[in-house]
PDB file of N, CA and C in Angstrom:
ATOM      1  N   MET A   1     346.651 275.570 -20.621  1.00  0.00           N
ATOM      2  CA  MET A   1     346.456 276.780 -21.384  1.00  0.00           C
ATOM      3  C   MET A   1     346.936 277.957 -20.546  1.00  0.00           C
ATOM      4  N   GLY A   2     347.641 278.885 -21.153  1.00  0.00           N
ATOM      5  CA  GLY A   2     348.175 280.050 -20.451  1.00  0.00           C
ATOM      6  C   GLY A   2     347.155 281.165 -20.343  1.00  0.00           C
ATOM      7  N   ALA A   3     347.472 282.099 -19.488  1.00  0.00           N
ATOM      8  CA  ALA A   3     346.608 283.265 -19.294  1.00  0.00           C
ATOM      9  C   ALA A   3     347.081 284.406 -20.187  1.00  0.00           C
ATOM     10  N   THR A   4     346.162 285.284 -20.547  1.00  0.00           N
ATOM     11  CA  THR A   4     346.490 286.474 -21.306  1.00  0.00           C
ATOM     12  C   THR A   4     346.449 287.673 -20.363  1.00  0.00           C
ATOM     13  N   PHE A   5     347.512 288.451 -20.384  1.00  0.00           N
ATOM     14  CA  PHE A   5     347.641 289.600 -19.491  1.00  0.00           C
ATOM     15  C   PHE A   5     347.608 290.892 -20.283  1.00  0.00           C
ATOM     16  N   CYS A   6     347.012 291.905 -19.691  1.00  0.00           N
ATOM     17  CA  CYS A   6     347.060 293.268 -20.210  1.00  0.00           C
ATOM     18  C   CYS A   6     347.831 294.083 -19.191  1.00  0.00           C
ATOM     19  N   ASP A   7     348.968 294.600 -19.594  1.00  0.00           N
ATOM     20  CA  ASP A   7     349.810 295.399 -18.698  1.00  0.00           C
ATOM     21  C   ASP A   7     349.179 296.759 -18.419  1.00  0.00           C
ATOM     22  N   ALA A   8     349.307 297.216 -17.176  1.00  0.00           N
ATOM     23  CA  ALA A   8     348.792 298.529 -16.791  1.00  0.00           C
ATOM     24  C   ALA A   8     349.815 299.239 -15.915  1.00  0.00           C
ATOM     25  N   ASP A   9     349.983 300.527 -16.149  1.00  0.00           N
ATOM     26  CA  ASP A   9     350.840 301.338 -15.274  1.00  0.00           C
ATOM     27  C   ASP A   9     350.144 301.605 -13.950  1.00  0.00           C
ATOM     28  N   ASP A  10     348.804 301.718 -13.997  1.00  0.00           N
ATOM     29  CA  ASP A  10     348.000 301.981 -12.805  1.00  0.00           C
ATOM     30  C   ASP A  10     346.739 301.123 -12.908  1.00  0.00           C
ATOM     31  N   CYS A  11     346.770 299.976 -12.267  1.00  0.00           N
ATOM     32  CA  CYS A  11     345.681 299.007 -12.359  1.00  0.00           C
ATOM     33  C   CYS A  11     344.361 299.594 -11.866  1.00  0.00           C
ATOM     34  N   TYR A  12     344.405 300.348 -10.772  1.00  0.00           N
ATOM     35  CA  TYR A  12     343.176 300.923 -10.216  1.00  0.00           C
ATOM     36  C   TYR A  12     342.552 301.939 -11.177  1.00  0.00           C
ATOM     37  N   ARG A  13     343.367 302.767 -11.802  1.00  0.00           N
ATOM     38  CA  ARG A  13     342.858 303.760 -12.763  1.00  0.00           C
ATOM     39  C   ARG A  13     342.215 303.067 -13.961  1.00  0.00           C
ATOM     40  N   GLU A  14     342.910 302.072 -14.513  1.00  0.00           N
ATOM     41  CA  GLU A  14     342.376 301.346 -15.672  1.00  0.00           C
ATOM     42  C   GLU A  14     341.111 300.577 -15.317  1.00  0.00           C
ATOM     43  N   TYR A  15     341.096 299.974 -14.139  1.00  0.00           N
ATOM     44  CA  TYR A  15     339.919 299.253 -13.656  1.00  0.00           C
ATOM     45  C   TYR A  15     338.716 300.198 -13.602  1.00  0.00           C
ATOM     46  N   ASN A  16     338.892 301.360 -12.988  1.00  0.00           N
ATOM     47  CA  ASN A  16     337.790 302.322 -12.870  1.00  0.00           C
ATOM     48  C   ASN A  16     337.323 302.827 -14.232  1.00  0.00           C
ATOM     49  N   ALA A  17     338.250 303.113 -15.126  1.00  0.00           N
ATOM     50  CA  ALA A  17     337.895 303.595 -16.467  1.00  0.00           C
ATOM     51  C   ALA A  17     337.144 302.521 -17.254  1.00  0.00           C
ATOM     52  N   MET A  18     337.639 301.298 -17.198  1.00  0.00           N
ATOM     53  CA  MET A  18     336.998 300.203 -17.936  1.00  0.00           C
ATOM     54  C   MET A  18     335.633 299.860 -17.342  1.00  0.00           C
ATOM     55  N   LYS A  19     335.547 299.841 -16.028  1.00  0.00           N
ATOM     56  CA  LYS A  19     334.292 299.522 -15.362  1.00  0.00           C
ATOM     57  C   LYS A  19     333.225 300.566 -15.684  1.00  0.00           C
ATOM     58  N   SER A  20     333.621 301.839 -15.756  1.00  0.00           N
ATOM     59  CA  SER A  20     332.663 302.900 -16.069  1.00  0.00           C
ATOM     60  C   SER A  20     332.119 302.771 -17.490  1.00  0.00           C
ATOM     61  N   LYS A  21     332.830 302.016 -18.345  1.00  0.00           N
ATOM     62  CA  LYS A  21     332.383 301.797 -19.725  1.00  0.00           C
ATOM     63  C   LYS A  21     331.643 300.473 -19.884  1.00  0.00           C
ATOM     64  N   GLY A  22     331.390 299.797 -18.750  1.00  0.00           N
ATOM     65  CA  GLY A  22     330.580 298.581 -18.798  1.00  0.00           C
ATOM     66  C   GLY A  22     331.330 297.271 -18.889  1.00  0.00           C
ATOM     67  N   VAL A  23     332.648 297.301 -18.755  1.00  0.00           N
ATOM     68  CA  VAL A  23     333.416 296.059 -18.799  1.00  0.00           C
ATOM     69  C   VAL A  23     333.075 295.230 -17.558  1.00  0.00           C
ATOM     70  N   LYS A  24     332.866 293.925 -17.761  1.00  0.00           N
ATOM     71  CA  LYS A  24     332.532 293.014 -16.663  1.00  0.00           C
ATOM     72  C   LYS A  24     333.811 292.532 -15.985  1.00  0.00           C
ATOM     73  N   PHE A  25     333.901 292.750 -14.681  1.00  0.00           N
ATOM     74  CA  PHE A  25     335.039 292.308 -13.885  1.00  0.00           C
ATOM     75  C   PHE A  25     334.615 291.216 -12.921  1.00  0.00           C
ATOM     76  N   PHE A  26     335.550 290.370 -12.560  1.00  0.00           N
ATOM     77  CA  PHE A  26     335.332 289.300 -11.594  1.00  0.00           C
ATOM     78  C   PHE A  26     336.082 289.675 -10.321  1.00  0.00           C
ATOM     79  N   GLY A  27     335.497 290.570  -9.540  1.00  0.00           N
ATOM     80  CA  GLY A  27     336.136 291.057  -8.328  1.00  0.00           C
ATOM     81  C   GLY A  27     336.755 292.420  -8.564  1.00  0.00           C
ATOM     82  N   GLU A  28     337.521 292.850  -7.578  1.00  0.00           N
ATOM     83  CA  GLU A  28     338.210 294.135  -7.629  1.00  0.00           C
ATOM     84  C   GLU A  28     339.709 293.887  -7.665  1.00  0.00           C
ATOM     85  N   PRO A  29     340.500 294.899  -8.072  1.00  0.00           N
ATOM     86  CA  PRO A  29     341.947 294.722  -8.074  1.00  0.00           C
ATOM     87  C   PRO A  29     342.437 294.297  -6.686  1.00  0.00           C
ATOM     88  N   LYS A  30     343.368 293.355  -6.684  1.00  0.00           N
ATOM     89  CA  LYS A  30     343.917 292.908  -5.402  1.00  0.00           C
ATOM     90  C   LYS A  30     345.427 292.759  -5.499  1.00  0.00           C
ATOM     91  N   GLN A  31     346.059 292.922  -4.363  1.00  0.00           N
ATOM     92  CA  GLN A  31     347.511 292.776  -4.253  1.00  0.00           C
ATOM     93  C   GLN A  31     347.852 291.288  -4.293  1.00  0.00           C
ATOM     94  N   VAL A  32     348.749 290.920  -5.178  1.00  0.00           N
ATOM     95  CA  VAL A  32     349.265 289.551  -5.287  1.00  0.00           C
ATOM     96  C   VAL A  32     350.792 289.639  -5.271  1.00  0.00           C
ATOM     97  N   PRO A  33     351.502 288.541  -5.083  1.00  0.00           N
ATOM     98  CA  PRO A  33     352.968 288.624  -4.980  1.00  0.00           C
ATOM     99  C   PRO A  33     353.653 289.308  -6.174  1.00  0.00           C
ATOM    100  N   TRP A  34     353.058 289.241  -7.360  1.00  0.00           N
ATOM    101  CA  TRP A  34     353.696 289.799  -8.560  1.00  0.00           C
ATOM    102  C   TRP A  34     353.172 291.185  -8.928  1.00  0.00           C
ATOM    103  N   GLY A  35     352.237 291.749  -8.131  1.00  0.00           N
ATOM    104  CA  GLY A  35     351.743 293.094  -8.396  1.00  0.00           C
ATOM    105  C   GLY A  35     350.298 293.278  -7.970  1.00  0.00           C
ATOM    106  N   ILE A  36     349.525 293.987  -8.792  1.00  0.00           N
ATOM    107  CA  ILE A  36     348.096 294.205  -8.560  1.00  0.00           C
ATOM    108  C   ILE A  36     347.374 293.637  -9.771  1.00  0.00           C
ATOM    109  N   GLU A  37     346.332 292.845  -9.504  1.00  0.00           N
ATOM    110  CA  GLU A  37     345.696 292.095 -10.585  1.00  0.00           C
ATOM    111  C   GLU A  37     344.179 292.057 -10.410  1.00  0.00           C
ATOM    112  N   VAL A  38     343.471 292.044 -11.541  1.00  0.00           N
ATOM    113  CA  VAL A  38     342.026 291.827 -11.556  1.00  0.00           C
ATOM    114  C   VAL A  38     341.675 291.151 -12.882  1.00  0.00           C
ATOM    115  N   VAL A  39     340.678 290.283 -12.853  1.00  0.00           N
ATOM    116  CA  VAL A  39     340.260 289.544 -14.047  1.00  0.00           C
ATOM    117  C   VAL A  39     339.011 290.206 -14.628  1.00  0.00           C
ATOM    118  N   PHE A  40     338.992 290.336 -15.967  1.00  0.00           N
ATOM    119  CA  PHE A  40     337.835 290.900 -16.650  1.00  0.00           C
ATOM    120  C   PHE A  40     337.488 290.056 -17.858  1.00  0.00           C
ATOM    121  N   GLU A  41     336.319 290.334 -18.434  1.00  0.00           N
ATOM    122  CA  GLU A  41     335.832 289.571 -19.577  1.00  0.00           C
ATOM    123  C   GLU A  41     335.809 290.456 -20.812  1.00  0.00           C
ATOM    124  N   ASP A  42     336.316 289.936 -21.938  1.00  0.00           N
ATOM    125  CA  ASP A  42     336.276 290.712 -23.180  1.00  0.00           C
ATOM    126  C   ASP A  42     334.926 290.524 -23.877  1.00  0.00           C
ATOM    127  N   LEU A  43     334.772 291.124 -25.047  1.00  0.00           N
ATOM    128  CA  LEU A  43     333.500 291.081 -25.781  1.00  0.00           C
ATOM    129  C   LEU A  43     333.077 289.672 -26.187  1.00  0.00           C
ATOM    130  N   TYR A  44     334.034 288.733 -26.212  1.00  0.00           N
ATOM    131  CA  TYR A  44     333.755 287.373 -26.668  1.00  0.00           C
ATOM    132  C   TYR A  44     333.660 286.379 -25.523  1.00  0.00           C
ATOM    133  N   GLY A  45     333.685 286.873 -24.292  1.00  0.00           N
ATOM    134  CA  GLY A  45     333.572 285.999 -23.133  1.00  0.00           C
ATOM    135  C   GLY A  45     334.881 285.437 -22.624  1.00  0.00           C
ATOM    136  N   ASN A  46     335.999 285.862 -23.213  1.00  0.00           N
ATOM    137  CA  ASN A  46     337.306 285.414 -22.738  1.00  0.00           C
ATOM    138  C   ASN A  46     337.677 286.162 -21.464  1.00  0.00           C
ATOM    139  N   ARG A  47     338.293 285.462 -20.541  1.00  0.00           N
ATOM    140  CA  ARG A  47     338.758 286.110 -19.309  1.00  0.00           C
ATOM    141  C   ARG A  47     340.222 286.512 -19.472  1.00  0.00           C
ATOM    142  N   LEU A  48     340.500 287.764 -19.118  1.00  0.00           N
ATOM    143  CA  LEU A  48     341.837 288.329 -19.241  1.00  0.00           C
ATOM    144  C   LEU A  48     342.246 288.929 -17.912  1.00  0.00           C
ATOM    145  N   ASP A  49     343.541 289.001 -17.669  1.00  0.00           N
ATOM    146  CA  ASP A  49     344.065 289.609 -16.452  1.00  0.00           C
ATOM    147  C   ASP A  49     344.583 291.002 -16.750  1.00  0.00           C
ATOM    148  N   LEU A  50     344.120 291.977 -15.995  1.00  0.00           N
ATOM    149  CA  LEU A  50     344.671 293.328 -16.020  1.00  0.00           C
ATOM    150  C   LEU A  50     345.714 293.344 -14.902  1.00  0.00           C
ATOM    151  N   LEU A  51     346.959 293.611 -15.242  1.00  0.00           N
ATOM    152  CA  LEU A  51     348.048 293.438 -14.298  1.00  0.00           C
ATOM    153  C   LEU A  51     348.970 294.655 -14.245  1.00  0.00           C
ATOM    154  N   GLN A  52     349.185 295.128 -13.048  1.00  0.00           N
ATOM    155  CA  GLN A  52     350.227 296.136 -12.784  1.00  0.00           C
ATOM    156  C   GLN A  52     351.364 295.367 -12.127  1.00  0.00           C
ATOM    157  N   HIS A  53     352.373 295.060 -12.900  1.00  0.00           N
ATOM    158  CA  HIS A  53     353.490 294.228 -12.448  1.00  0.00           C
ATOM    159  C   HIS A  53     354.409 295.011 -11.521  1.00  0.00           C
ATOM    160  N   ASN A  54     354.884 294.368 -10.466  1.00  0.00           N
ATOM    161  CA  ASN A  54     355.757 295.044  -9.495  1.00  0.00           C
ATOM    162  C   ASN A  54     357.241 294.749  -9.725  1.00  0.00           C
ATOM    163  N   GLY A  55     357.565 294.061 -10.817  1.00  0.00           N
ATOM    164  CA  GLY A  55     358.969 293.764 -11.118  1.00  0.00           C
ATOM    165  C   GLY A  55     359.506 292.532 -10.426  1.00  0.00           C
ATOM    166  N   PHE A  56     358.630 291.769  -9.774  1.00  0.00           N
ATOM    167  CA  PHE A  56     359.035 290.567  -9.041  1.00  0.00           C
ATOM    168  C   PHE A  56     359.553 289.517  -9.965  1.00  0.00           C
TER     169      PHE A  56
END
């Protein structure tokens, strides 16, 4: 099964905005080879990736 990604221009800004509204995250944004990524949970318990892609 594939992952679902939500593209972000600024992962840290979106993370902070979403977290302040009560969104559940699994860790903090981290640098990965393809950009900056953090996993969060939607209203139905699905895990999604918030990703700021670096063009790799």
